[in-house]
Amino acid sequence: MQVARSGTGEWRISPAIPAVADLALAVLWAFTALGGWAEQGFCRVDGVPDPTCAADVHNAVLVSLVAVIPAVGIILAACAFYRLRRDLHRVTGMLTAAAVLWVVAEGIVFLGGQLAKAN
């Protein structure tokens, strides 16, 4: 991983940096959405889970799939296609866009959890 000057005098970011960010954000989303962290964080009142809140958080997780599915698609396309992997600017941009989508997915789960908690 590196941030280095390219031969043309502009800065170049290694594609490994957004790739590691994508991996970390994907694991965070998976633990939050699928591992039950969201239900535990938003729907526990005095140690007792609220089933209505858990259902609302589950709905927020389903809505977050709107950002997760394109993020996974971008990552798979960036890894699968040789021409994309060879163009450092393009693959870095694609992986950065996927990282932004992971953050959006986490934000959707968070806002959905806050709304479920408020109800």
Protein backbone atom coordinates (compact mmCIF):
# COMPACT_ATOMS: atom_id res chain seq x y z
CA MET A 1 0.00 0.00 0.00
CA GLN A 2 1.34 3.37 -0.88
CA VAL A 3 0.63 6.90 -1.84
CA ALA A 4 3.37 7.86 -4.26
CA ARG A 5 4.21 10.31 -6.95
CA SER A 6 3.75 8.94 -10.42
CA GLY A 7 6.13 9.76 -13.22
CA THR A 8 3.92 12.63 -14.42
CA GLY A 9 4.19 14.56 -11.17
CA GLU A 10 0.72 13.72 -9.85
CA TRP A 11 -0.03 11.66 -6.78
CA ARG A 12 -1.11 8.04 -7.17
CA ILE A 13 -2.94 6.02 -4.53
CA SER A 14 -2.43 2.29 -4.52
CA PRO A 15 -5.63 0.33 -5.20
CA ALA A 16 -4.85 -1.70 -2.08
CA ILE A 17 -5.94 1.19 0.14
CA PRO A 18 -9.59 1.33 -1.02
CA ALA A 19 -9.60 -2.48 -1.29
CA VAL A 20 -8.72 -2.82 2.40
CA ALA A 21 -11.33 -0.16 3.21
CA ASP A 22 -13.93 -2.12 1.24
CA LEU A 23 -13.08 -5.29 3.12
CA ALA A 24 -13.26 -3.59 6.51
CA LEU A 25 -16.54 -1.86 5.72
CA ALA A 26 -18.05 -5.06 4.31
CA VAL A 27 -17.16 -6.95 7.50
CA LEU A 28 -18.59 -4.13 9.62
CA TRP A 29 -21.83 -4.15 7.63
CA ALA A 30 -22.07 -7.95 7.84
CA PHE A 31 -21.65 -7.94 11.62
CA THR A 32 -24.08 -5.06 11.98
CA ALA A 33 -26.76 -6.33 9.62
CA LEU A 34 -26.39 -10.09 9.70
CA GLY A 35 -24.57 -10.68 12.97
CA GLY A 36 -27.18 -9.03 15.14
CA TRP A 37 -25.20 -5.99 16.25
CA ALA A 38 -27.94 -3.62 15.09
CA GLU A 39 -30.66 -5.43 17.04
CA GLN A 40 -28.51 -5.52 20.16
CA GLY A 41 -27.54 -1.89 19.82
CA PHE A 42 -30.95 -0.45 19.07
CA CYS A 43 -33.56 -2.86 20.39
CA ARG A 44 -32.44 -3.93 23.86
CA VAL A 45 -34.31 -2.32 26.73
CA ASP A 46 -33.03 -3.46 30.13
CA GLY A 47 -31.56 -6.57 28.49
CA VAL A 48 -34.87 -7.60 26.93
CA PRO A 49 -35.15 -7.51 23.12
CA ASP A 50 -38.08 -5.65 21.58
CA PRO A 51 -39.49 -7.74 18.69
CA THR A 52 -41.18 -4.77 17.00
CA CYS A 53 -37.94 -2.82 17.00
CA ALA A 54 -36.04 -5.85 15.71
CA ALA A 55 -38.48 -6.16 12.81
CA ASP A 56 -37.99 -2.48 11.97
CA VAL A 57 -34.20 -2.88 12.09
CA HIS A 58 -34.53 -5.90 9.80
CA ASN A 59 -36.44 -3.70 7.35
CA ALA A 60 -33.62 -1.14 7.51
CA VAL A 61 -31.14 -3.90 6.69
CA LEU A 62 -33.23 -4.87 3.68
CA VAL A 63 -33.27 -1.25 2.51
CA SER A 64 -29.47 -1.07 2.93
CA LEU A 65 -29.17 -3.82 0.32
CA VAL A 66 -29.88 -1.05 -2.23
CA ALA A 67 -26.30 0.15 -1.58
CA VAL A 68 -24.72 -3.22 -0.74
CA ILE A 69 -25.58 -5.00 -4.00
CA PRO A 70 -23.94 -2.37 -6.26
CA ALA A 71 -20.92 -2.21 -3.95
CA VAL A 72 -20.42 -5.97 -4.24
CA GLY A 73 -20.93 -5.74 -8.01
CA ILE A 74 -18.32 -3.01 -8.34
CA ILE A 75 -15.81 -4.98 -6.30
CA LEU A 76 -16.39 -8.16 -8.30
CA ALA A 77 -16.10 -6.27 -11.59
CA ALA A 78 -12.88 -4.60 -10.46
CA CYS A 79 -11.40 -7.98 -9.55
CA ALA A 80 -12.73 -10.01 -12.45
CA PHE A 81 -11.94 -7.92 -15.51
CA TYR A 82 -8.32 -7.76 -16.53
CA ARG A 83 -8.57 -4.42 -18.34
CA LEU A 84 -10.05 -2.76 -15.29
CA ARG A 85 -7.32 -4.13 -13.02
CA ARG A 86 -4.61 -2.81 -15.33
CA ASP A 87 -5.89 0.79 -15.24
CA LEU A 88 -4.87 2.00 -11.77
CA HIS A 89 -6.94 5.18 -11.87
CA ARG A 90 -10.09 3.33 -12.91
CA VAL A 91 -9.77 0.48 -10.40
CA THR A 92 -8.95 2.90 -7.58
CA GLY A 93 -11.98 4.99 -8.48
CA MET A 94 -14.22 1.96 -8.63
CA LEU A 95 -13.04 0.63 -5.28
CA THR A 96 -13.43 4.07 -3.73
CA ALA A 97 -17.00 4.26 -5.05
CA ALA A 98 -17.69 0.85 -3.52
CA ALA A 99 -16.34 2.11 -0.18
CA VAL A 100 -18.70 5.07 -0.35
CA LEU A 101 -21.60 2.68 -1.01
CA TRP A 102 -20.61 0.60 2.05
CA VAL A 103 -20.69 3.77 4.16
CA VAL A 104 -24.14 4.60 2.74
CA ALA A 105 -25.34 1.09 3.63
CA GLU A 106 -24.08 1.48 7.20
CA GLY A 107 -25.77 4.88 7.39
CA ILE A 108 -29.07 3.39 6.27
CA VAL A 109 -28.87 0.70 8.94
CA PHE A 110 -27.94 3.31 11.56
CA LEU A 111 -30.75 5.70 10.64
CA GLY A 112 -33.22 2.80 10.44
CA GLY A 113 -32.10 1.63 13.86
CA GLN A 114 -32.51 5.12 15.31
CA LEU A 115 -36.01 5.36 13.86
CA ALA A 116 -36.88 1.88 15.16
CA LYS A 117 -35.57 2.82 18.59
CA ALA A 118 -37.63 6.02 18.62
CA ASN A 119 -40.86 4.13 17.88
